[in-house]
Structures are given as C-alpha cells and as structure tokens.
PDB file of all heavy atoms in Angstrom:
ATOM      1  N   ASP A   1      -0.309  30.530   5.539  1.00  0.00           N
ATOM      2  CA  ASP A   1      -1.434  29.592   5.619  1.00  0.00           C
ATOM      3  C   ASP A   1      -0.936  28.168   5.874  1.00  0.00           C
ATOM      4  O   ASP A   1      -1.507  27.441   6.694  1.00  0.00           O
ATOM      5  CB  ASP A   1      -2.252  29.659   4.326  1.00  0.00           C
ATOM      6  CG  ASP A   1      -3.568  28.920   4.440  1.00  0.00           C
ATOM      7  OD1 ASP A   1      -4.274  29.102   5.453  1.00  0.00           O
ATOM      8  OD2 ASP A   1      -3.891  28.155   3.504  1.00  0.00           O
ATOM      9  N   LYS A   2       0.139  27.784   5.210  1.00  0.00           N
ATOM     10  CA  LYS A   2       0.724  26.450   5.436  1.00  0.00           C
ATOM     11  C   LYS A   2       1.251  26.320   6.861  1.00  0.00           C
ATOM     12  O   LYS A   2       1.081  25.277   7.497  1.00  0.00           O
ATOM     13  CB  LYS A   2       1.852  26.183   4.444  1.00  0.00           C
ATOM     14  CG  LYS A   2       1.386  25.964   3.027  1.00  0.00           C
ATOM     15  CD  LYS A   2       2.561  25.811   2.076  1.00  0.00           C
ATOM     16  CE  LYS A   2       2.106  25.785   0.640  1.00  0.00           C
ATOM     17  NZ  LYS A   2       3.242  25.768  -0.308  1.00  0.00           N
ATOM     18  N   VAL A   3       1.880  27.377   7.359  1.00  0.00           N
ATOM     19  CA  VAL A   3       2.382  27.368   8.735  1.00  0.00           C
ATOM     20  C   VAL A   3       1.225  27.171   9.707  1.00  0.00           C
ATOM     21  O   VAL A   3       1.306  26.353  10.639  1.00  0.00           O
ATOM     22  CB  VAL A   3       3.150  28.676   9.056  1.00  0.00           C
ATOM     23  CG1 VAL A   3       3.420  28.807  10.546  1.00  0.00           C
ATOM     24  CG2 VAL A   3       4.450  28.734   8.276  1.00  0.00           C
ATOM     25  N   CYS A   4       0.135  27.888   9.484  1.00  0.00           N
ATOM     26  CA  CYS A   4      -1.031  27.762  10.375  1.00  0.00           C
ATOM     27  C   CYS A   4      -1.613  26.358  10.343  1.00  0.00           C
ATOM     28  O   CYS A   4      -1.959  25.806  11.395  1.00  0.00           O
ATOM     29  CB  CYS A   4      -2.104  28.785  10.002  1.00  0.00           C
ATOM     30  SG  CYS A   4      -1.689  30.437  10.530  1.00  0.00           S
ATOM     31  N   ASP A   5      -1.731  25.788   9.152  1.00  0.00           N
ATOM     32  CA  ASP A   5      -2.262  24.424   9.047  1.00  0.00           C
ATOM     33  C   ASP A   5      -1.392  23.428   9.801  1.00  0.00           C
ATOM     34  O   ASP A   5      -1.899  22.580  10.536  1.00  0.00           O
ATOM     35  CB  ASP A   5      -2.379  24.001   7.578  1.00  0.00           C
ATOM     36  CG  ASP A   5      -3.520  24.690   6.860  1.00  0.00           C
ATOM     37  OD1 ASP A   5      -4.413  25.241   7.537  1.00  0.00           O
ATOM     38  OD2 ASP A   5      -3.508  24.688   5.608  1.00  0.00           O
ATOM     39  N   THR A   6      -0.080  23.530   9.624  1.00  0.00           N
ATOM     40  CA  THR A   6       0.804  22.577  10.294  1.00  0.00           C
ATOM     41  C   THR A   6       0.829  22.797  11.807  1.00  0.00           C
ATOM     42  O   THR A   6       0.890  21.830  12.570  1.00  0.00           O
ATOM     43  CB  THR A   6       2.234  22.637   9.726  1.00  0.00           C
ATOM     44  OG1 THR A   6       2.741  23.958   9.851  1.00  0.00           O
ATOM     45  CG2 THR A   6       2.259  22.202   8.270  1.00  0.00           C
ATOM     46  N   LEU A   7       0.741  24.050  12.234  1.00  0.00           N
ATOM     47  CA  LEU A   7       0.681  24.317  13.678  1.00  0.00           C
ATOM     48  C   LEU A   7      -0.584  23.739  14.293  1.00  0.00           C
ATOM     49  O   LEU A   7      -0.556  23.200  15.405  1.00  0.00           O
ATOM     50  CB  LEU A   7       0.770  25.819  13.961  1.00  0.00           C
ATOM     51  CG  LEU A   7       2.126  26.482  13.817  1.00  0.00           C
ATOM     52  CD1 LEU A   7       2.023  27.977  14.078  1.00  0.00           C
ATOM     53  CD2 LEU A   7       3.154  25.860  14.739  1.00  0.00           C
ATOM     54  N   GLN A   8      -1.698  23.841  13.579  1.00  0.00           N
ATOM     55  CA  GLN A   8      -2.943  23.283  14.097  1.00  0.00           C
ATOM     56  C   GLN A   8      -2.866  21.768  14.199  1.00  0.00           C
ATOM     57  O   GLN A   8      -3.351  21.173  15.174  1.00  0.00           O
ATOM     58  CB  GLN A   8      -4.120  23.721  13.226  1.00  0.00           C
ATOM     59  CG  GLN A   8      -4.457  25.183  13.414  1.00  0.00           C
ATOM     60  CD  GLN A   8      -5.477  25.698  12.409  1.00  0.00           C
ATOM     61  OE1 GLN A   8      -5.811  25.033  11.442  1.00  0.00           O
ATOM     62  NE2 GLN A   8      -5.956  26.911  12.631  1.00  0.00           N
ATOM     63  N   LYS A   9      -2.243  21.129  13.219  1.00  0.00           N
ATOM     64  CA  LYS A   9      -2.069  19.667  13.283  1.00  0.00           C
ATOM     65  C   LYS A   9      -1.165  19.282  14.442  1.00  0.00           C
ATOM     66  O   LYS A   9      -1.450  18.320  15.167  1.00  0.00           O
ATOM     67  CB  LYS A   9      -1.495  19.143  11.966  1.00  0.00           C
ATOM     68  CG  LYS A   9      -2.462  19.193  10.815  1.00  0.00           C
ATOM     69  CD  LYS A   9      -1.801  18.737   9.525  1.00  0.00           C
ATOM     70  CE  LYS A   9      -2.730  18.867   8.338  1.00  0.00           C
ATOM     71  NZ  LYS A   9      -2.076  18.475   7.081  1.00  0.00           N
ATOM     72  N   GLU A  10      -0.078  20.016  14.627  1.00  0.00           N
ATOM     73  CA  GLU A  10       0.831  19.743  15.745  1.00  0.00           C
ATOM     74  C   GLU A  10       0.124  19.946  17.079  1.00  0.00           C
ATOM     75  O   GLU A  10       0.329  19.183  18.020  1.00  0.00           O
ATOM     76  CB  GLU A  10       2.058  20.652  15.688  1.00  0.00           C
ATOM     77  CG  GLU A  10       3.156  20.182  14.808  1.00  0.00           C
ATOM     78  CD  GLU A  10       3.736  18.833  15.166  1.00  0.00           C
ATOM     79  OE1 GLU A  10       3.809  18.473  16.357  1.00  0.00           O
ATOM     80  OE2 GLU A  10       4.118  18.118  14.231  1.00  0.00           O
ATOM     81  N   LEU A  11      -0.699  20.974  17.156  1.00  0.00           N
ATOM     82  CA  LEU A  11      -1.428  21.232  18.396  1.00  0.00           C
ATOM     83  C   LEU A  11      -2.367  20.080  18.720  1.00  0.00           C
ATOM     84  O   LEU A  11      -2.452  19.646  19.880  1.00  0.00           O
ATOM     85  CB  LEU A  11      -2.201  22.551  18.299  1.00  0.00           C
ATOM     86  CG  LEU A  11      -3.008  22.923  19.537  1.00  0.00           C
ATOM     87  CD1 LEU A  11      -2.086  23.186  20.722  1.00  0.00           C
ATOM     88  CD2 LEU A  11      -3.875  24.130  19.259  1.00  0.00           C
ATOM     89  N   ARG A  12      -3.074  19.570  17.703  1.00  0.00           N
ATOM     90  CA  ARG A  12      -3.972  18.433  17.942  1.00  0.00           C
ATOM     91  C   ARG A  12      -3.192  17.210  18.425  1.00  0.00           C
ATOM     92  O   ARG A  12      -3.633  16.492  19.332  1.00  0.00           O
ATOM     93  CB  ARG A  12      -4.773  18.109  16.683  1.00  0.00           C
ATOM     94  CG  ARG A  12      -5.907  19.092  16.422  1.00  0.00           C
ATOM     95  CD  ARG A  12      -6.869  18.607  15.352  1.00  0.00           C
ATOM     96  NE  ARG A  12      -6.275  18.484  14.031  1.00  0.00           N
ATOM     97  CZ  ARG A  12      -6.224  19.449  13.131  1.00  0.00           C
ATOM     98  NH1 ARG A  12      -6.708  20.628  13.403  1.00  0.00           N
ATOM     99  NH2 ARG A  12      -5.683  19.235  11.947  1.00  0.00           N
ATOM    100  N   LEU A  13      -2.029  16.968  17.836  1.00  0.00           N
ATOM    101  CA  LEU A  13      -1.194  15.851  18.263  1.00  0.00           C
ATOM    102  C   LEU A  13      -0.734  16.036  19.708  1.00  0.00           C
ATOM    103  O   LEU A  13      -0.818  15.116  20.522  1.00  0.00           O
ATOM    104  CB  LEU A  13       0.014  15.714  17.336  1.00  0.00           C
ATOM    105  CG  LEU A  13       1.039  14.647  17.708  1.00  0.00           C
ATOM    106  CD1 LEU A  13       0.414  13.252  17.666  1.00  0.00           C
ATOM    107  CD2 LEU A  13       2.238  14.728  16.788  1.00  0.00           C
ATOM    108  N   LYS A  14      -0.291  17.229  20.039  1.00  0.00           N
ATOM    109  CA  LYS A  14       0.188  17.497  21.395  1.00  0.00           C
ATOM    110  C   LYS A  14      -0.959  17.442  22.408  1.00  0.00           C
ATOM    111  O   LYS A  14      -0.759  17.070  23.565  1.00  0.00           O
ATOM    112  CB  LYS A  14       0.916  18.829  21.446  1.00  0.00           C
ATOM    113  CG  LYS A  14       2.269  18.727  20.739  1.00  0.00           C
ATOM    114  CD  LYS A  14       3.027  19.984  20.745  1.00  0.00           C
ATOM    115  CE  LYS A  14       4.362  19.964  20.083  1.00  0.00           C
ATOM    116  NZ  LYS A  14       4.856  18.809  19.419  1.00  0.00           N
ATOM    117  N   GLN A  15      -2.154  17.744  21.967  1.00  0.00           N
ATOM    118  CA  GLN A  15      -3.315  17.627  22.849  1.00  0.00           C
ATOM    119  C   GLN A  15      -3.589  16.150  23.170  1.00  0.00           C
ATOM    120  O   GLN A  15      -3.855  15.807  24.317  1.00  0.00           O
ATOM    121  CB  GLN A  15      -4.530  18.270  22.190  1.00  0.00           C
ATOM    122  CG  GLN A  15      -5.733  18.343  23.087  1.00  0.00           C
ATOM    123  CD  GLN A  15      -6.831  19.196  22.478  1.00  0.00           C
ATOM    124  OE1 GLN A  15      -6.718  19.697  21.352  1.00  0.00           O
ATOM    125  NE2 GLN A  15      -7.896  19.376  23.215  1.00  0.00           N
ATOM    126  N   VAL A  16      -3.498  15.292  22.172  1.00  0.00           N
ATOM    127  CA  VAL A  16      -3.678  13.853  22.393  1.00  0.00           C
ATOM    128  C   VAL A  16      -2.600  13.325  23.347  1.00  0.00           C
ATOM    129  O   VAL A  16      -2.884  12.555  24.261  1.00  0.00           O
ATOM    130  CB  VAL A  16      -3.664  13.086  21.054  1.00  0.00           C
ATOM    131  CG1 VAL A  16      -3.574  11.585  21.270  1.00  0.00           C
ATOM    132  CG2 VAL A  16      -4.899  13.428  20.235  1.00  0.00           C
ATOM    133  N   ILE A  17      -1.374  13.776  23.141  1.00  0.00           N
ATOM    134  CA  ILE A  17      -0.277  13.350  24.014  1.00  0.00           C
ATOM    135  C   ILE A  17      -0.545  13.787  25.451  1.00  0.00           C
ATOM    136  O   ILE A  17      -0.414  12.994  26.387  1.00  0.00           O
ATOM    137  CB  ILE A  17       1.066  13.930  23.509  1.00  0.00           C
ATOM    138  CG1 ILE A  17       1.434  13.332  22.155  1.00  0.00           C
ATOM    139  CG2 ILE A  17       2.184  13.689  24.525  1.00  0.00           C
ATOM    140  CD1 ILE A  17       2.558  14.067  21.447  1.00  0.00           C
ATOM    141  N   THR A  18      -0.929  15.049  25.609  1.00  0.00           N
ATOM    142  CA  THR A  18      -1.183  15.586  26.952  1.00  0.00           C
ATOM    143  C   THR A  18      -2.310  14.836  27.643  1.00  0.00           C
ATOM    144  O   THR A  18      -2.242  14.570  28.838  1.00  0.00           O
ATOM    145  CB  THR A  18      -1.522  17.086  26.861  1.00  0.00           C
ATOM    146  OG1 THR A  18      -0.440  17.753  26.205  1.00  0.00           O
ATOM    147  CG2 THR A  18      -1.723  17.700  28.223  1.00  0.00           C
ATOM    148  N   GLU A  19      -3.341  14.481  26.901  1.00  0.00           N
ATOM    149  CA  GLU A  19      -4.483  13.777  27.492  1.00  0.00           C
ATOM    150  C   GLU A  19      -4.147  12.342  27.885  1.00  0.00           C
ATOM    151  O   GLU A  19      -4.773  11.783  28.775  1.00  0.00           O
ATOM    152  CB  GLU A  19      -5.651  13.768  26.500  1.00  0.00           C
ATOM    153  CG  GLU A  19      -6.263  15.135  26.277  1.00  0.00           C
ATOM    154  CD  GLU A  19      -7.254  15.159  25.120  1.00  0.00           C
ATOM    155  OE1 GLU A  19      -7.382  14.134  24.401  1.00  0.00           O
ATOM    156  OE2 GLU A  19      -7.888  16.205  24.921  1.00  0.00           O
ATOM    157  N   ASN A  20      -3.153  11.740  27.244  1.00  0.00           N
ATOM    158  CA  ASN A  20      -2.924  10.312  27.434  1.00  0.00           C
ATOM    159  C   ASN A  20      -1.634   9.922  28.143  1.00  0.00           C
ATOM    160  O   ASN A  20      -1.557   8.824  28.683  1.00  0.00           O
ATOM    161  CB  ASN A  20      -2.970   9.600  26.077  1.00  0.00           C
ATOM    162  CG  ASN A  20      -4.353   9.651  25.488  1.00  0.00           C
ATOM    163  OD1 ASN A  20      -5.321   9.269  26.111  1.00  0.00           O
ATOM    164  ND2 ASN A  20      -4.445  10.164  24.270  1.00  0.00           N
ATOM    165  N   ILE A  21      -0.641  10.765  28.157  1.00  0.00           N
ATOM    166  CA  ILE A  21       0.662  10.335  28.658  1.00  0.00           C
ATOM    167  C   ILE A  21       0.643   9.983  30.149  1.00  0.00           C
ATOM    168  O   ILE A  21       1.303   9.038  30.574  1.00  0.00           O
ATOM    169  CB  ILE A  21       1.767  11.372  28.341  1.00  0.00           C
ATOM    170  CG1 ILE A  21       3.145  10.739  28.535  1.00  0.00           C
ATOM    171  CG2 ILE A  21       1.595  12.635  29.158  1.00  0.00           C
ATOM    172  CD1 ILE A  21       4.281  11.548  27.959  1.00  0.00           C
ATOM    173  N   ALA A  22      -0.125  10.690  30.939  1.00  0.00           N
ATOM    174  CA  ALA A  22      -0.143  10.423  32.379  1.00  0.00           C
ATOM    175  C   ALA A  22      -0.878   9.127  32.720  1.00  0.00           C
ATOM    176  O   ALA A  22      -0.635   8.532  33.769  1.00  0.00           O
ATOM    177  CB  ALA A  22      -0.779  11.590  33.124  1.00  0.00           C
ATOM    178  N   HIS A  23      -1.758   8.686  31.852  1.00  0.00           N
ATOM    179  CA  HIS A  23      -2.560   7.493  32.132  1.00  0.00           C
ATOM    180  C   HIS A  23      -2.009   6.243  31.462  1.00  0.00           C
ATOM    181  O   HIS A  23      -2.522   5.155  31.668  1.00  0.00           O
ATOM    182  CB  HIS A  23      -4.005   7.715  31.676  1.00  0.00           C
ATOM    183  CG  HIS A  23      -4.622   8.910  32.315  1.00  0.00           C
ATOM    184  ND1 HIS A  23      -4.967   8.946  33.641  1.00  0.00           N
ATOM    185  CD2 HIS A  23      -4.925  10.135  31.804  1.00  0.00           C
ATOM    186  CE1 HIS A  23      -5.468  10.138  33.933  1.00  0.00           C
ATOM    187  NE2 HIS A  23      -5.456  10.875  32.835  1.00  0.00           N
ATOM    188  N   CYS A  24      -1.002   6.406  30.658  1.00  0.00           N
ATOM    189  CA  CYS A  24      -0.472   5.295  29.887  1.00  0.00           C
ATOM    190  C   CYS A  24       0.353   4.365  30.772  1.00  0.00           C
ATOM    191  O   CYS A  24       1.141   4.803  31.601  1.00  0.00           O
ATOM    192  CB  CYS A  24       0.383   5.835  28.748  1.00  0.00           C
ATOM    193  SG  CYS A  24       0.963   4.568  27.642  1.00  0.00           S
ATOM    194  N   ARG A  25       0.172   3.055  30.580  1.00  0.00           N
ATOM    195  CA  ARG A  25       0.939   2.055  31.331  1.00  0.00           C
ATOM    196  C   ARG A  25       1.918   1.292  30.443  1.00  0.00           C
ATOM    197  O   ARG A  25       2.789   0.609  30.937  1.00  0.00           O
ATOM    198  CB  ARG A  25      -0.029   1.048  31.965  1.00  0.00           C
ATOM    199  CG  ARG A  25      -1.033   1.655  32.896  1.00  0.00           C
ATOM    200  CD  ARG A  25      -0.461   1.694  34.253  1.00  0.00           C
ATOM    201  NE  ARG A  25      -1.467   2.181  35.192  1.00  0.00           N
ATOM    202  CZ  ARG A  25      -1.163   2.700  36.331  1.00  0.00           C
ATOM    203  NH1 ARG A  25       0.071   2.793  36.710  1.00  0.00           N
ATOM    204  NH2 ARG A  25      -2.105   3.126  37.122  1.00  0.00           N
ATOM    205  N   ASP A  26       1.790   1.444  29.157  1.00  0.00           N
ATOM    206  CA  ASP A  26       2.634   0.723  28.213  1.00  0.00           C
ATOM    207  C   ASP A  26       3.941   1.494  28.002  1.00  0.00           C
ATOM    208  O   ASP A  26       3.930   2.659  27.581  1.00  0.00           O
ATOM    209  CB  ASP A  26       1.878   0.560  26.893  1.00  0.00           C
ATOM    210  CG  ASP A  26       2.645  -0.225  25.854  1.00  0.00           C
ATOM    211  OD1 ASP A  26       3.724  -0.769  26.177  1.00  0.00           O
ATOM    212  OD2 ASP A  26       2.167  -0.301  24.707  1.00  0.00           O
ATOM    213  N   GLU A  27       5.056   0.855  28.279  1.00  0.00           N
ATOM    214  CA  GLU A  27       6.363   1.510  28.168  1.00  0.00           C
ATOM    215  C   GLU A  27       6.633   2.014  26.757  1.00  0.00           C
ATOM    216  O   GLU A  27       7.139   3.121  26.572  1.00  0.00           O
ATOM    217  CB  GLU A  27       7.475   0.538  28.570  1.00  0.00           C
ATOM    218  CG  GLU A  27       7.483   0.172  30.020  1.00  0.00           C
ATOM    219  CD  GLU A  27       8.582  -0.835  30.352  1.00  0.00           C
ATOM    220  OE1 GLU A  27       9.532  -0.970  29.553  1.00  0.00           O
ATOM    221  OE2 GLU A  27       8.480  -1.471  31.399  1.00  0.00           O
ATOM    222  N   ASN A  28       6.316   1.224  25.772  1.00  0.00           N
ATOM    223  CA  ASN A  28       6.571   1.610  24.386  1.00  0.00           C
ATOM    224  C   ASN A  28       5.720   2.801  23.970  1.00  0.00           C
ATOM    225  O   ASN A  28       6.194   3.709  23.273  1.00  0.00           O
ATOM    226  CB  ASN A  28       6.329   0.432  23.445  1.00  0.00           C
ATOM    227  CG  ASN A  28       7.319  -0.689  23.672  1.00  0.00           C
ATOM    228  OD1 ASN A  28       8.469  -0.449  24.025  1.00  0.00           O
ATOM    229  ND2 ASN A  28       6.865  -1.922  23.490  1.00  0.00           N
ATOM    230  N   LEU A  29       4.458   2.800  24.390  1.00  0.00           N
ATOM    231  CA  LEU A  29       3.561   3.899  24.030  1.00  0.00           C
ATOM    232  C   LEU A  29       3.973   5.200  24.720  1.00  0.00           C
ATOM    233  O   LEU A  29       3.895   6.276  24.121  1.00  0.00           O
ATOM    234  CB  LEU A  29       2.110   3.536  24.375  1.00  0.00           C
ATOM    235  CG  LEU A  29       1.031   4.463  23.849  1.00  0.00           C
ATOM    236  CD1 LEU A  29       1.141   4.637  22.339  1.00  0.00           C
ATOM    237  CD2 LEU A  29      -0.345   3.928  24.219  1.00  0.00           C
ATOM    238  N   ILE A  30       4.446   5.112  25.952  1.00  0.00           N
ATOM    239  CA  ILE A  30       4.927   6.307  26.648  1.00  0.00           C
ATOM    240  C   ILE A  30       6.103   6.910  25.882  1.00  0.00           C
ATOM    241  O   ILE A  30       6.188   8.133  25.703  1.00  0.00           O
ATOM    242  CB  ILE A  30       5.345   5.972  28.098  1.00  0.00           C
ATOM    243  CG1 ILE A  30       4.119   5.642  28.936  1.00  0.00           C
ATOM    244  CG2 ILE A  30       6.096   7.130  28.730  1.00  0.00           C
ATOM    245  CD1 ILE A  30       4.451   5.138  30.326  1.00  0.00           C
ATOM    246  N   GLU A  31       6.986   6.062  25.413  1.00  0.00           N
ATOM    247  CA  GLU A  31       8.132   6.541  24.636  1.00  0.00           C
ATOM    248  C   GLU A  31       7.682   7.176  23.318  1.00  0.00           C
ATOM    249  O   GLU A  31       8.267   8.173  22.872  1.00  0.00           O
ATOM    250  CB  GLU A  31       9.113   5.391  24.354  1.00  0.00           C
ATOM    251  CG  GLU A  31       9.861   4.912  25.572  1.00  0.00           C
ATOM    252  CD  GLU A  31      10.849   5.935  26.121  1.00  0.00           C
ATOM    253  OE1 GLU A  31      11.319   6.794  25.355  1.00  0.00           O
ATOM    254  OE2 GLU A  31      11.127   5.875  27.328  1.00  0.00           O
ATOM    255  N   VAL A  32       6.663   6.606  22.708  1.00  0.00           N
ATOM    256  CA  VAL A  32       6.125   7.178  21.470  1.00  0.00           C
ATOM    257  C   VAL A  32       5.555   8.567  21.744  1.00  0.00           C
ATOM    258  O   VAL A  32       5.780   9.508  20.970  1.00  0.00           O
ATOM    259  CB  VAL A  32       5.062   6.247  20.839  1.00  0.00           C
ATOM    260  CG1 VAL A  32       4.299   6.952  19.730  1.00  0.00           C
ATOM    261  CG2 VAL A  32       5.713   4.978  20.324  1.00  0.00           C
ATOM    262  N   TYR A  33       4.816   8.714  22.849  1.00  0.00           N
ATOM    263  CA  TYR A  33       4.258  10.023  23.205  1.00  0.00           C
ATOM    264  C   TYR A  33       5.369  11.058  23.403  1.00  0.00           C
ATOM    265  O   TYR A  33       5.293  12.173  22.870  1.00  0.00           O
ATOM    266  CB  TYR A  33       3.413   9.932  24.476  1.00  0.00           C
ATOM    267  CG  TYR A  33       2.073   9.274  24.306  1.00  0.00           C
ATOM    268  CD1 TYR A  33       1.528   8.502  25.329  1.00  0.00           C
ATOM    269  CD2 TYR A  33       1.332   9.419  23.141  1.00  0.00           C
ATOM    270  CE1 TYR A  33       0.290   7.898  25.193  1.00  0.00           C
ATOM    271  CE2 TYR A  33       0.095   8.823  22.993  1.00  0.00           C
ATOM    272  CZ  TYR A  33      -0.421   8.064  24.017  1.00  0.00           C
ATOM    273  OH  TYR A  33      -1.651   7.472  23.882  1.00  0.00           O
ATOM    274  N   ALA A  34       6.387  10.689  24.156  1.00  0.00           N
ATOM    275  CA  ALA A  34       7.492  11.628  24.404  1.00  0.00           C
ATOM    276  C   ALA A  34       8.206  11.982  23.105  1.00  0.00           C
ATOM    277  O   ALA A  34       8.561  13.147  22.869  1.00  0.00           O
ATOM    278  CB  ALA A  34       8.458  11.032  25.416  1.00  0.00           C
TER     279      ALA A  34
END
C-alpha cells in the first residue's frame, strides 16, 4: 500500500514535468524539472 501511494505521487510529479518541460523558458526551472 505504501509503495502504491508513493508511486502515485511520483506519477503525478512526472505528469507535471511532462506537461511543462517543453514549454519552459527558464533555465533554472528546466533543470529542476530534469
């Protein structure tokens, strides 16, 4: 159950990264996403 909860949180984070990394213009924020 703990593994599932943490995987779901990681998935949400990776979804935000995927949605934003291509449109980001800020060098520091791009590095944070990566």
